[in-house]
PDB file of N, CA and C in Angstrom:
ATOM      1  N   UNK A   1      91.309  63.224  43.586  1.00  0.00           N
ATOM      2  CA  UNK A   1      92.409  63.272  44.073  1.00  0.00           C
ATOM      3  C   UNK A   1      93.662  63.412  43.376  1.00  0.00           C
ATOM      4  N   UNK A   2      94.847  64.287  43.818  1.00  0.00           N
ATOM      5  CA  UNK A   2      96.028  64.606  43.113  1.00  0.00           C
ATOM      6  C   UNK A   2      96.829  63.142  42.965  1.00  0.00           C
ATOM      7  N   UNK A   3      97.296  63.108  42.086  1.00  0.00           N
ATOM      8  CA  UNK A   3      98.077  62.054  41.771  1.00  0.00           C
ATOM      9  C   UNK A   3     100.074  62.359  42.038  1.00  0.00           C
ATOM     10  N   UNK A   4     100.817  61.279  42.181  1.00  0.00           N
ATOM     11  CA  UNK A   4     102.252  61.970  42.682  1.00  0.00           C
ATOM     12  C   UNK A   4     102.962  62.397  41.499  1.00  0.00           C
ATOM     13  N   UNK A   5     102.175  61.862  40.556  1.00  0.00           N
ATOM     14  CA  UNK A   5     102.659  62.481  39.199  1.00  0.00           C
ATOM     15  C   UNK A   5     102.452  63.727  38.867  1.00  0.00           C
ATOM     16  N   UNK A   6     100.945  64.579  39.514  1.00  0.00           N
ATOM     17  CA  UNK A   6     100.530  65.669  39.410  1.00  0.00           C
ATOM     18  C   UNK A   6     101.399  66.587  40.173  1.00  0.00           C
ATOM     19  N   UNK A   7     101.561  65.871  41.686  1.00  0.00           N
ATOM     20  CA  UNK A   7     102.740  66.856  42.222  1.00  0.00           C
ATOM     21  C   UNK A   7     104.086  66.670  41.556  1.00  0.00           C
ATOM     22  N   UNK A   8     104.749  66.092  41.095  1.00  0.00           N
ATOM     23  CA  UNK A   8     106.082  65.933  40.223  1.00  0.00           C
ATOM     24  C   UNK A   8     105.827  67.651  39.393  1.00  0.00           C
ATOM     25  N   UNK A   9     104.578  67.336  38.552  1.00  0.00           N
ATOM     26  CA  UNK A   9     104.625  68.399  37.524  1.00  0.00           C
ATOM     27  C   UNK A   9     104.856  70.134  38.334  1.00  0.00           C
ATOM     28  N   UNK A  10     103.628  70.148  39.492  1.00  0.00           N
ATOM     29  CA  UNK A  10     103.728  71.092  40.098  1.00  0.00           C
ATOM     30  C   UNK A  10     105.186  71.519  40.749  1.00  0.00           C
ATOM     31  N   UNK A  11     105.849  70.290  41.397  1.00  0.00           N
ATOM     32  CA  UNK A  11     107.108  70.838  42.060  1.00  0.00           C
ATOM     33  C   UNK A  11     108.405  70.970  40.654  1.00  0.00           C
ATOM     34  N   UNK A  12     108.232  70.371  39.663  1.00  0.00           N
ATOM     35  CA  UNK A  12     108.934  71.228  38.515  1.00  0.00           C
ATOM     36  C   UNK A  12     108.980  72.478  38.108  1.00  0.00           C
ATOM     37  N   UNK A  13     107.587  73.032  38.028  1.00  0.00           N
ATOM     38  CA  UNK A  13     107.524  74.224  37.757  1.00  0.00           C
ATOM     39  C   UNK A  13     107.575  75.106  39.016  1.00  0.00           C
ATOM     40  N   UNK A  14     107.235  74.986  39.827  1.00  0.00           N
ATOM     41  CA  UNK A  14     107.942  75.655  41.035  1.00  0.00           C
ATOM     42  C   UNK A  14     109.493  75.704  41.564  1.00  0.00           C
ATOM     43  N   UNK A  15     110.008  74.857  40.939  1.00  0.00           N
ATOM     44  CA  UNK A  15     111.629  74.641  40.949  1.00  0.00           C
ATOM     45  C   UNK A  15     112.119  75.817  40.655  1.00  0.00           C
ATOM     46  N   UNK A  16     111.341  76.007  38.829  1.00  0.00           N
ATOM     47  CA  UNK A  16     111.713  76.833  38.008  1.00  0.00           C
ATOM     48  C   UNK A  16     112.285  78.497  38.540  1.00  0.00           C
ATOM     49  N   UNK A  17     111.289  78.528  39.674  1.00  0.00           N
ATOM     50  CA  UNK A  17     111.259  79.795  40.357  1.00  0.00           C
ATOM     51  C   UNK A  17     112.389  79.994  40.911  1.00  0.00           C
ATOM     52  N   UNK A  18     112.999  79.024  41.396  1.00  0.00           N
ATOM     53  CA  UNK A  18     114.450  79.126  42.493  1.00  0.00           C
ATOM     54  C   UNK A  18     115.533  79.252  41.291  1.00  0.00           C
ATOM     55  N   UNK A  19     115.226  78.314  40.291  1.00  0.00           N
ATOM     56  CA  UNK A  19     116.640  78.144  39.330  1.00  0.00           C
ATOM     57  C   UNK A  19     117.400  79.366  38.837  1.00  0.00           C
ATOM     58  N   UNK A  20     116.414  80.109  38.901  1.00  0.00           N
ATOM     59  CA  UNK A  20     117.151  81.361  38.276  1.00  0.00           C
ATOM     60  C   UNK A  20     118.202  82.300  39.267  1.00  0.00           C
ATOM     61  N   UNK A  21     117.975  81.545  40.432  1.00  0.00           N
ATOM     62  CA  UNK A  21     119.102  82.189  41.723  1.00  0.00           C
ATOM     63  C   UNK A  21     119.903  81.672  41.974  1.00  0.00           C
ATOM     64  N   UNK A  22     120.430  79.984  41.324  1.00  0.00           N
ATOM     65  CA  UNK A  22     121.151  79.175  41.785  1.00  0.00           C
ATOM     66  C   UNK A  22     122.787  79.411  41.450  1.00  0.00           C
ATOM     67  N   UNK A  23     122.495  80.871  40.682  1.00  0.00           N
ATOM     68  CA  UNK A  23     124.060  81.354  40.396  1.00  0.00           C
ATOM     69  C   UNK A  23     124.781  82.403  41.572  1.00  0.00           C
ATOM     70  N   UNK A  24     123.445  82.550  42.281  1.00  0.00           N
ATOM     71  CA  UNK A  24     123.975  83.868  43.085  1.00  0.00           C
ATOM     72  C   UNK A  24     123.921  83.224  44.671  1.00  0.00           C
ATOM     73  N   UNK A  25     122.966  82.290  44.927  1.00  0.00           N
ATOM     74  CA  UNK A  25     122.967  81.511  45.893  1.00  0.00           C
ATOM     75  C   UNK A  25     123.387  79.953  45.968  1.00  0.00           C
ATOM     76  N   UNK A  26     123.511  79.308  46.899  1.00  0.00           N
ATOM     77  CA  UNK A  26     124.195  78.085  46.940  1.00  0.00           C
ATOM     78  C   UNK A  26     122.707  77.265  46.855  1.00  0.00           C
ATOM     79  N   UNK A  27     123.208  76.076  46.338  1.00  0.00           N
ATOM     80  CA  UNK A  27     122.041  75.243  45.913  1.00  0.00           C
ATOM     81  C   UNK A  27     122.133  73.918  47.271  1.00  0.00           C
ATOM     82  N   UNK A  28     121.327  74.321  48.143  1.00  0.00           N
ATOM     83  CA  UNK A  28     121.269  73.233  49.183  1.00  0.00           C
ATOM     84  C   UNK A  28     121.080  71.726  49.105  1.00  0.00           C
ATOM     85  N   UNK A  29     120.217  71.619  48.260  1.00  0.00           N
ATOM     86  CA  UNK A  29     119.329  70.291  48.025  1.00  0.00           C
ATOM     87  C   UNK A  29     118.883  70.290  46.502  1.00  0.00           C
ATOM     88  N   UNK A  30     119.255  69.488  45.534  1.00  0.00           N
ATOM     89  CA  UNK A  30     118.817  69.625  44.504  1.00  0.00           C
ATOM     90  C   UNK A  30     118.341  67.877  43.882  1.00  0.00           C
ATOM     91  N   UNK A  31     117.687  67.187  44.657  1.00  0.00           N
ATOM     92  CA  UNK A  31     116.804  66.141  44.447  1.00  0.00           C
ATOM     93  C   UNK A  31     115.624  65.965  43.761  1.00  0.00           C
ATOM     94  N   UNK A  32     114.809  64.280  43.331  1.00  0.00           N
ATOM     95  CA  UNK A  32     114.172  64.162  42.664  1.00  0.00           C
ATOM     96  C   UNK A  32     112.738  65.414  43.305  1.00  0.00           C
ATOM     97  N   UNK A  33     112.377  65.211  44.496  1.00  0.00           N
ATOM     98  CA  UNK A  33     111.537  65.856  45.207  1.00  0.00           C
ATOM     99  C   UNK A  33     111.558  67.235  46.053  1.00  0.00           C
ATOM    100  N   UNK A  34     113.008  67.385  46.230  1.00  0.00           N
ATOM    101  CA  UNK A  34     113.275  68.152  47.122  1.00  0.00           C
ATOM    102  C   UNK A  34     114.298  69.219  46.721  1.00  0.00           C
ATOM    103  N   UNK A  35     114.329  70.468  46.782  1.00  0.00           N
ATOM    104  CA  UNK A  35     115.250  71.692  45.990  1.00  0.00           C
ATOM    105  C   UNK A  35     115.452  72.902  46.751  1.00  0.00           C
ATOM    106  N   UNK A  36     116.585  73.098  47.582  1.00  0.00           N
ATOM    107  CA  UNK A  36     116.366  74.429  48.361  1.00  0.00           C
ATOM    108  C   UNK A  36     117.572  74.993  48.068  1.00  0.00           C
ATOM    109  N   UNK A  37     117.579  76.504  48.311  1.00  0.00           N
ATOM    110  CA  UNK A  37     118.814  77.271  48.234  1.00  0.00           C
ATOM    111  C   UNK A  37     119.076  78.057  49.481  1.00  0.00           C
ATOM    112  N   UNK A  38     120.340  77.972  50.026  1.00  0.00           N
ATOM    113  CA  UNK A  38     120.611  79.422  50.942  1.00  0.00           C
ATOM    114  C   UNK A  38     121.686  80.461  50.276  1.00  0.00           C
ATOM    115  N   UNK A  39     121.515  81.131  51.020  1.00  0.00           N
ATOM    116  CA  UNK A  39     122.496  82.506  50.564  1.00  0.00           C
ATOM    117  C   UNK A  39     123.668  82.631  51.388  1.00  0.00           C
ATOM    118  N   UNK A  40     123.690  83.621  51.658  1.00  0.00           N
ATOM    119  CA  UNK A  40     125.412  84.109  52.320  1.00  0.00           C
ATOM    120  C   UNK A  40     125.625  83.692  53.768  1.00  0.00           C
ATOM    121  N   UNK A  41     126.765  83.570  54.124  1.00  0.00           N
ATOM    122  CA  UNK A  41     126.960  83.863  55.632  1.00  0.00           C
ATOM    123  C   UNK A  41     126.973  84.855  56.135  1.00  0.00           C
ATOM    124  N   UNK A  42     125.966  84.466  57.411  1.00  0.00           N
ATOM    125  CA  UNK A  42     125.813  85.684  58.252  1.00  0.00           C
ATOM    126  C   UNK A  42     126.941  86.046  59.664  1.00  0.00           C
ATOM    127  N   UNK A  43     127.634  86.823  59.850  1.00  0.00           N
ATOM    128  CA  UNK A  43     128.467  86.482  60.951  1.00  0.00           C
ATOM    129  C   UNK A  43     127.376  86.966  62.288  1.00  0.00           C
ATOM    130  N   UNK A  44     126.407  87.407  62.124  1.00  0.00           N
ATOM    131  CA  UNK A  44     125.284  87.699  63.039  1.00  0.00           C
ATOM    132  C   UNK A  44     124.780  86.117  63.349  1.00  0.00           C
ATOM    133  N   UNK A  45     124.502  85.404  62.706  1.00  0.00           N
ATOM    134  CA  UNK A  45     123.992  83.903  63.109  1.00  0.00           C
ATOM    135  C   UNK A  45     124.838  82.824  62.858  1.00  0.00           C
ATOM    136  N   UNK A  46     126.082  82.792  62.513  1.00  0.00           N
ATOM    137  CA  UNK A  46     127.475  82.502  61.939  1.00  0.00           C
ATOM    138  C   UNK A  46     126.930  80.718  61.085  1.00  0.00           C
ATOM    139  N   UNK A  47     126.639  81.110  60.201  1.00  0.00           N
ATOM    140  CA  UNK A  47     125.728  80.060  59.542  1.00  0.00           C
ATOM    141  C   UNK A  47     125.189  80.594  58.412  1.00  0.00           C
ATOM    142  N   UNK A  48     125.086  79.670  57.237  1.00  0.00           N
ATOM    143  CA  UNK A  48     124.510  80.825  55.703  1.00  0.00           C
ATOM    144  C   UNK A  48     122.723  80.327  56.218  1.00  0.00           C
ATOM    145  N   UNK A  49     122.720  81.475  55.494  1.00  0.00           N
ATOM    146  CA  UNK A  49     121.111  81.621  55.470  1.00  0.00           C
ATOM    147  C   UNK A  49     120.423  81.269  54.881  1.00  0.00           C
ATOM    148  N   UNK A  50     119.209  80.382  54.871  1.00  0.00           N
ATOM    149  CA  UNK A  50     118.407  79.749  54.000  1.00  0.00           C
ATOM    150  C   UNK A  50     117.124  80.366  53.539  1.00  0.00           C
ATOM    151  N   UNK A  51     117.359  80.635  52.046  1.00  0.00           N
ATOM    152  CA  UNK A  51     116.425  81.037  51.067  1.00  0.00           C
ATOM    153  C   UNK A  51     115.097  80.649  50.942  1.00  0.00           C
ATOM    154  N   UNK A  52     114.981  79.424  50.963  1.00  0.00           N
ATOM    155  CA  UNK A  52     113.525  78.863  50.358  1.00  0.00           C
ATOM    156  C   UNK A  52     114.194  77.817  49.562  1.00  0.00           C
ATOM    157  N   UNK A  53     112.954  76.873  49.271  1.00  0.00           N
ATOM    158  CA  UNK A  53     112.766  75.634  48.585  1.00  0.00           C
ATOM    159  C   UNK A  53     111.189  75.248  48.056  1.00  0.00           C
ATOM    160  N   UNK A  54     111.293  74.047  47.548  1.00  0.00           N
ATOM    161  CA  UNK A  54     110.330  73.343  47.268  1.00  0.00           C
ATOM    162  C   UNK A  54     110.333  72.496  47.240  1.00  0.00           C
ATOM    163  N   UNK A  55     109.574  71.172  47.970  1.00  0.00           N
ATOM    164  CA  UNK A  55     109.249  69.799  48.608  1.00  0.00           C
ATOM    165  C   UNK A  55     108.008  69.186  48.071  1.00  0.00           C
ATOM    166  N   UNK A  56     108.006  68.128  47.573  1.00  0.00           N
ATOM    167  CA  UNK A  56     106.969  67.398  47.449  1.00  0.00           C
ATOM    168  C   UNK A  56     106.961  66.285  48.543  1.00  0.00           C
ATOM    169  N   UNK A  57     105.599  66.904  49.085  1.00  0.00           N
ATOM    170  CA  UNK A  57     105.033  66.297  50.425  1.00  0.00           C
ATOM    171  C   UNK A  57     104.198  65.060  50.412  1.00  0.00           C
ATOM    172  N   UNK A  58     103.549  64.337  51.027  1.00  0.00           N
ATOM    173  CA  UNK A  58     102.432  63.370  51.003  1.00  0.00           C
ATOM    174  C   UNK A  58     101.315  63.621  50.193  1.00  0.00           C
ATOM    175  N   UNK A  59     100.705  65.035  50.600  1.00  0.00           N
ATOM    176  CA  UNK A  59      99.630  65.356  49.938  1.00  0.00           C
ATOM    177  C   UNK A  59      99.449  66.624  49.535  1.00  0.00           C
ATOM    178  N   UNK A  60     100.820  67.396  49.055  1.00  0.00           N
ATOM    179  CA  UNK A  60     100.891  68.291  48.431  1.00  0.00           C
ATOM    180  C   UNK A  60     102.595  68.501  48.391  1.00  0.00           C
ATOM    181  N   UNK A  61     102.460  70.043  47.433  1.00  0.00           N
ATOM    182  CA  UNK A  61     104.054  70.815  47.608  1.00  0.00           C
ATOM    183  C   UNK A  61     104.143  71.839  47.953  1.00  0.00           C
ATOM    184  N   UNK A  62     105.135  71.645  48.999  1.00  0.00           N
ATOM    185  CA  UNK A  62     105.368  73.148  50.223  1.00  0.00           C
ATOM    186  C   UNK A  62     106.471  73.743  49.253  1.00  0.00           C
ATOM    187  N   UNK A  63     106.134  75.391  49.243  1.00  0.00           N
ATOM    188  CA  UNK A  63     107.252  76.216  48.882  1.00  0.00           C
ATOM    189  C   UNK A  63     107.701  77.050  50.047  1.00  0.00           C
ATOM    190  N   UNK A  64     108.723  77.279  50.380  1.00  0.00           N
ATOM    191  CA  UNK A  64     109.319  78.103  51.516  1.00  0.00           C
ATOM    192  C   UNK A  64     109.813  79.397  50.989  1.00  0.00           C
ATOM    193  N   UNK A  65     109.728  80.266  51.696  1.00  0.00           N
ATOM    194  CA  UNK A  65     110.808  81.474  51.277  1.00  0.00           C
ATOM    195  C   UNK A  65     110.625  82.403  52.446  1.00  0.00           C
ATOM    196  N   UNK A  66     112.069  82.302  53.018  1.00  0.00           N
ATOM    197  CA  UNK A  66     112.545  82.488  54.382  1.00  0.00           C
ATOM    198  C   UNK A  66     112.407  84.074  54.644  1.00  0.00           C
ATOM    199  N   UNK A  67     112.748  84.945  53.523  1.00  0.00           N
ATOM    200  CA  UNK A  67     112.910  86.181  53.466  1.00  0.00           C
ATOM    201  C   UNK A  67     111.027  86.789  54.375  1.00  0.00           C
ATOM    202  N   UNK A  68     110.165  86.241  53.882  1.00  0.00           N
ATOM    203  CA  UNK A  68     108.940  86.572  54.350  1.00  0.00           C
ATOM    204  C   UNK A  68     109.232  86.349  55.903  1.00  0.00           C
ATOM    205  N   UNK A  69     109.772  85.520  57.035  1.00  0.00           N
ATOM    206  CA  UNK A  69     109.688  85.521  57.901  1.00  0.00           C
ATOM    207  C   UNK A  69     110.741  86.259  58.748  1.00  0.00           C
ATOM    208  N   UNK A  70     111.807  86.518  57.889  1.00  0.00           N
ATOM    209  CA  UNK A  70     112.940  87.483  58.181  1.00  0.00           C
ATOM    210  C   UNK A  70     112.777  88.880  58.339  1.00  0.00           C
ATOM    211  N   UNK A  71     111.887  89.448  57.127  1.00  0.00           N
ATOM    212  CA  UNK A  71     111.512  90.771  56.706  1.00  0.00           C
ATOM    213  C   UNK A  71     109.957  90.987  56.924  1.00  0.00           C
ATOM    214  N   UNK A  72     109.416  90.887  58.024  1.00  0.00           N
ATOM    215  CA  UNK A  72     107.871  91.112  58.294  1.00  0.00           C
ATOM    216  C   UNK A  72     107.043  92.157  57.605  1.00  0.00           C
ATOM    217  N   UNK A  73     107.947  92.935  56.892  1.00  0.00           N
ATOM    218  CA  UNK A  73     106.894  93.782  56.030  1.00  0.00           C
ATOM    219  C   UNK A  73     106.783  93.206  54.990  1.00  0.00           C
ATOM    220  N   UNK A  74     107.320  92.277  54.373  1.00  0.00           N
ATOM    221  CA  UNK A  74     107.040  91.791  53.185  1.00  0.00           C
ATOM    222  C   UNK A  74     105.588  91.363  53.127  1.00  0.00           C
ATOM    223  N   UNK A  75     105.193  90.796  54.108  1.00  0.00           N
ATOM    224  CA  UNK A  75     103.975  90.196  53.957  1.00  0.00           C
ATOM    225  C   UNK A  75     102.984  90.957  53.281  1.00  0.00           C
ATOM    226  N   UNK A  76     103.143  92.113  53.689  1.00  0.00           N
ATOM    227  CA  UNK A  76     101.772  93.246  53.189  1.00  0.00           C
ATOM    228  C   UNK A  76     101.849  92.909  51.583  1.00  0.00           C
ATOM    229  N   UNK A  77     102.802  92.614  50.584  1.00  0.00           N
ATOM    230  CA  UNK A  77     103.122  92.036  49.553  1.00  0.00           C
ATOM    231  C   UNK A  77     102.558  91.000  48.991  1.00  0.00           C
ATOM    232  N   UNK A  78     102.038  90.122  49.703  1.00  0.00           N
ATOM    233  CA  UNK A  78     101.914  88.515  49.478  1.00  0.00           C
ATOM    234  C   UNK A  78     101.002  88.826  48.663  1.00  0.00           C
ATOM    235  N   UNK A  79     100.438  88.155  47.033  1.00  0.00           N
ATOM    236  CA  UNK A  79      99.037  88.542  46.603  1.00  0.00           C
ATOM    237  C   UNK A  79      98.341  88.278  47.382  1.00  0.00           C
ATOM    238  N   UNK A  80      96.772  88.428  47.464  1.00  0.00           N
ATOM    239  CA  UNK A  80      95.792  87.626  47.892  1.00  0.00           C
ATOM    240  C   UNK A  80      95.376  86.378  47.294  1.00  0.00           C
ATOM    241  N   UNK A  81      96.113  85.824  46.179  1.00  0.00           N
ATOM    242  CA  UNK A  81      95.510  84.746  45.964  1.00  0.00           C
ATOM    243  C   UNK A  81      96.857  83.617  46.475  1.00  0.00           C
ATOM    244  N   UNK A  82      97.633  84.518  46.712  1.00  0.00           N
ATOM    245  CA  UNK A  82      98.952  83.558  47.242  1.00  0.00           C
ATOM    246  C   UNK A  82      98.760  83.172  48.968  1.00  0.00           C
ATOM    247  N   UNK A  83      97.933  83.893  49.670  1.00  0.00           N
ATOM    248  CA  UNK A  83      97.352  83.772  50.903  1.00  0.00           C
ATOM    249  C   UNK A  83      96.938  82.847  51.650  1.00  0.00           C
ATOM    250  N   UNK A  84      95.868  82.412  50.560  1.00  0.00           N
ATOM    251  CA  UNK A  84      94.970  81.697  50.462  1.00  0.00           C
ATOM    252  C   UNK A  84      95.778  80.208  50.747  1.00  0.00           C
ATOM    253  N   UNK A  85      97.016  80.077  50.142  1.00  0.00           N
ATOM    254  CA  UNK A  85      97.699  78.655  49.790  1.00  0.00           C
ATOM    255  C   UNK A  85      98.982  78.774  51.107  1.00  0.00           C
ATOM    256  N   UNK A  86      98.905  80.157  52.036  1.00  0.00           N
ATOM    257  CA  UNK A  86      99.700  80.430  52.973  1.00  0.00           C
ATOM    258  C   UNK A  86      99.677  79.639  54.329  1.00  0.00           C
ATOM    259  N   UNK A  87     100.941  78.894  54.517  1.00  0.00           N
ATOM    260  CA  UNK A  87     100.414  77.573  56.038  1.00  0.00           C
ATOM    261  C   UNK A  87     101.954  78.248  56.827  1.00  0.00           C
ATOM    262  N   UNK A  88     101.501  78.603  57.909  1.00  0.00           N
ATOM    263  CA  UNK A  88     102.712  79.227  58.815  1.00  0.00           C
ATOM    264  C   UNK A  88     103.326  80.185  58.263  1.00  0.00           C
ATOM    265  N   UNK A  89     104.317  80.603  58.522  1.00  0.00           N
ATOM    266  CA  UNK A  89     105.023  81.983  58.284  1.00  0.00           C
ATOM    267  C   UNK A  89     105.399  82.120  57.061  1.00  0.00           C
ATOM    268  N   UNK A  90     105.873  81.337  56.461  1.00  0.00           N
ATOM    269  CA  UNK A  90     106.873  81.313  55.203  1.00  0.00           C
ATOM    270  C   UNK A  90     106.321  80.093  54.234  1.00  0.00           C
ATOM    271  N   UNK A  91     105.543  79.670  54.344  1.00  0.00           N
ATOM    272  CA  UNK A  91     105.417  78.068  53.476  1.00  0.00           C
ATOM    273  C   UNK A  91     104.021  78.497  52.472  1.00  0.00           C
ATOM    274  N   UNK A  92     103.636  78.277  51.496  1.00  0.00           N
ATOM    275  CA  UNK A  92     102.586  77.978  50.689  1.00  0.00           C
ATOM    276  C   UNK A  92     102.654  76.414  50.057  1.00  0.00           C
ATOM    277  N   UNK A  93     101.472  76.033  50.471  1.00  0.00           N
ATOM    278  CA  UNK A  93     101.150  74.782  50.171  1.00  0.00           C
ATOM    279  C   UNK A  93     100.239  74.441  48.910  1.00  0.00           C
ATOM    280  N   UNK A  94     100.743  73.690  47.851  1.00  0.00           N
ATOM    281  CA  UNK A  94     100.078  73.712  46.304  1.00  0.00           C
ATOM    282  C   UNK A  94      99.435  72.024  46.175  1.00  0.00           C
ATOM    283  N   UNK A  95      97.932  72.179  45.912  1.00  0.00           N
ATOM    284  CA  UNK A  95      97.717  70.893  45.404  1.00  0.00           C
ATOM    285  C   UNK A  95      97.300  70.498  44.158  1.00  0.00           C
ATOM    286  N   UNK A  96      97.317  71.398  43.693  1.00  0.00           N
ATOM    287  CA  UNK A  96      96.756  71.522  42.252  1.00  0.00           C
ATOM    288  C   UNK A  96      97.656  72.283  41.139  1.00  0.00           C
ATOM    289  N   UNK A  97      97.790  72.135  39.876  1.00  0.00           N
ATOM    290  CA  UNK A  97      98.386  73.062  38.715  1.00  0.00           C
ATOM    291  C   UNK A  97      97.508  74.388  38.456  1.00  0.00           C
ATOM    292  N   UNK A  98      98.474  75.294  38.890  1.00  0.00           N
ATOM    293  CA  UNK A  98      97.773  76.733  38.352  1.00  0.00           C
ATOM    294  C   UNK A  98      99.091  77.564  37.599  1.00  0.00           C
ATOM    295  N   UNK A  99      98.788  77.803  36.704  1.00  0.00           N
ATOM    296  CA  UNK A  99      99.836  78.793  36.211  1.00  0.00           C
ATOM    297  C   UNK A  99     100.210  79.936  36.675  1.00  0.00           C
ATOM    298  N   UNK A 100      98.441  80.822  36.686  1.00  0.00           N
ATOM    299  CA  UNK A 100      98.642  82.052  37.126  1.00  0.00           C
ATOM    300  C   UNK A 100      99.223  82.108  38.248  1.00  0.00           C
ATOM    301  N   UNK A 101      98.792  81.251  39.535  1.00  0.00           N
ATOM    302  CA  UNK A 101      98.598  81.577  40.933  1.00  0.00           C
ATOM    303  C   UNK A 101     100.704  81.203  40.781  1.00  0.00           C
ATOM    304  N   UNK A 102     101.361  80.101  40.339  1.00  0.00           N
ATOM    305  CA  UNK A 102     102.899  80.225  40.075  1.00  0.00           C
ATOM    306  C   UNK A 102     103.307  81.165  39.831  1.00  0.00           C
ATOM    307  N   UNK A 103     102.674  81.686  38.639  1.00  0.00           N
ATOM    308  CA  UNK A 103     103.617  82.799  38.084  1.00  0.00           C
ATOM    309  C   UNK A 103     103.681  84.317  38.842  1.00  0.00           C
ATOM    310  N   UNK A 104     102.138  84.539  39.861  1.00  0.00           N
ATOM    311  CA  UNK A 104     102.881  85.209  40.745  1.00  0.00           C
ATOM    312  C   UNK A 104     103.171  84.770  42.281  1.00  0.00           C
ATOM    313  N   UNK A 105     103.576  83.536  42.644  1.00  0.00           N
ATOM    314  CA  UNK A 105     104.619  82.983  43.181  1.00  0.00           C
ATOM    315  C   UNK A 105     106.135  83.747  42.784  1.00  0.00           C
ATOM    316  N   UNK A 106     105.923  83.188  41.248  1.00  0.00           N
ATOM    317  CA  UNK A 106     107.400  83.608  40.651  1.00  0.00           C
ATOM    318  C   UNK A 106     107.725  85.063  41.070  1.00  0.00           C
ATOM    319  N   UNK A 107     106.682  86.098  40.411  1.00  0.00           N
ATOM    320  CA  UNK A 107     106.989  87.439  40.638  1.00  0.00           C
ATOM    321  C   UNK A 107     107.104  87.900  42.416  1.00  0.00           C
ATOM    322  N   UNK A 108     106.540  86.929  43.323  1.00  0.00           N
ATOM    323  CA  UNK A 108     106.614  87.313  44.558  1.00  0.00           C
ATOM    324  C   UNK A 108     108.138  86.994  45.292  1.00  0.00           C
ATOM    325  N   UNK A 109     108.627  85.457  44.704  1.00  0.00           N
ATOM    326  CA  UNK A 109     109.866  85.297  44.840  1.00  0.00           C
ATOM    327  C   UNK A 109     111.209  86.148  44.645  1.00  0.00           C
ATOM    328  N   UNK A 110     110.681  87.032  43.650  1.00  0.00           N
ATOM    329  CA  UNK A 110     111.446  87.885  43.240  1.00  0.00           C
ATOM    330  C   UNK A 110     111.647  88.765  43.947  1.00  0.00           C
ATOM    331  N   UNK A 111     110.766  89.161  44.856  1.00  0.00           N
ATOM    332  CA  UNK A 111     110.588  90.466  45.494  1.00  0.00           C
ATOM    333  C   UNK A 111     111.403  89.779  46.636  1.00  0.00           C
ATOM    334  N   UNK A 112     111.511  88.814  47.167  1.00  0.00           N
ATOM    335  CA  UNK A 112     111.975  88.561  48.188  1.00  0.00           C
ATOM    336  C   UNK A 112     113.415  88.180  48.155  1.00  0.00           C
ATOM    337  N   UNK A 113     113.875  87.764  46.681  1.00  0.00           N
ATOM    338  CA  UNK A 113     115.111  87.851  46.537  1.00  0.00           C
ATOM    339  C   UNK A 113     115.681  89.130  46.846  1.00  0.00           C
ATOM    340  N   UNK A 114     115.368  90.049  46.079  1.00  0.00           N
ATOM    341  CA  UNK A 114     115.872  91.234  45.816  1.00  0.00           C
ATOM    342  C   UNK A 114     116.099  91.866  47.370  1.00  0.00           C
ATOM    343  N   UNK A 115     114.907  91.883  47.908  1.00  0.00           N
ATOM    344  CA  UNK A 115     115.206  92.141  49.459  1.00  0.00           C
ATOM    345  C   UNK A 115     116.190  91.458  50.414  1.00  0.00           C
ATOM    346  N   UNK A 116     116.120  90.113  50.152  1.00  0.00           N
ATOM    347  CA  UNK A 116     117.342  89.433  50.788  1.00  0.00           C
ATOM    348  C   UNK A 116     118.557  89.569  50.524  1.00  0.00           C
ATOM    349  N   UNK A 117     119.113  89.996  49.268  1.00  0.00           N
ATOM    350  CA  UNK A 117     120.240  90.433  48.452  1.00  0.00           C
ATOM    351  C   UNK A 117     120.577  92.135  49.424  1.00  0.00           C
ATOM    352  N   UNK A 118     119.256  92.980  49.633  1.00  0.00           N
ATOM    353  CA  UNK A 118     119.492  94.325  49.957  1.00  0.00           C
ATOM    354  C   UNK A 118     119.859  94.207  51.469  1.00  0.00           C
ATOM    355  N   UNK A 119     118.645  93.420  52.209  1.00  0.00           N
ATOM    356  CA  UNK A 119     118.977  93.767  53.721  1.00  0.00           C
ATOM    357  C   UNK A 119     119.747  92.542  54.472  1.00  0.00           C
ATOM    358  N   UNK A 120     119.902  91.619  53.413  1.00  0.00           N
ATOM    359  CA  UNK A 120     120.903  90.571  54.193  1.00  0.00           C
ATOM    360  C   UNK A 120     120.268  89.947  55.888  1.00  0.00           C
ATOM    361  N   UNK A 121     121.391  89.723  56.836  1.00  0.00           N
ATOM    362  CA  UNK A 121     120.723  89.402  58.036  1.00  0.00           C
ATOM    363  C   UNK A 121     120.153  90.882  58.997  1.00  0.00           C
ATOM    364  N   UNK A 122     119.930  91.756  58.573  1.00  0.00           N
ATOM    365  CA  UNK A 122     119.409  92.897  59.004  1.00  0.00           C
ATOM    366  C   UNK A 122     117.878  92.859  59.555  1.00  0.00           C
ATOM    367  N   UNK A 123     117.404  91.814  60.467  1.00  0.00           N
ATOM    368  CA  UNK A 123     116.786  91.240  60.560  1.00  0.00           C
ATOM    369  C   UNK A 123     115.729  92.165  61.822  1.00  0.00           C
TER     370      UNK A 123
END
C-alpha cells in the first residue's frame, strides 16, 4: 500500500513538470497537495483557459493536461507507458514513484505547452 508520504513525493516531482511554466502561465493554486496553472484569456470562452495541474487524491496523484482535451490530435503523441495511466480524456493517475515515467510526462507536458501557446483557443 502506498503511503500519504509517497504521494507527497510523487506530487512534488510531478509539480516540477509544471513549475517551469509559472512565468508564462498564471498559478491558479499552489497548495500543499494541489498545484494548477491557467493560461491566457479566451475571448471565445470569456475566461482564462486552464492548462493543467497535479493534485494528491485519496488513492493516487492526479495529473491533468487540458491541451489533450482541447486539441484531439495530441492524443496520438501520448507515450504508450503513459497511456496506461490515463483516466478520462485529460487525466493521468499515479500510485507509485517511477522517475522514467515522470520524465516522459515532463516531455509530453512540454509538447502540450508548446501547442497551447501556438494554438490558443482554436479548438
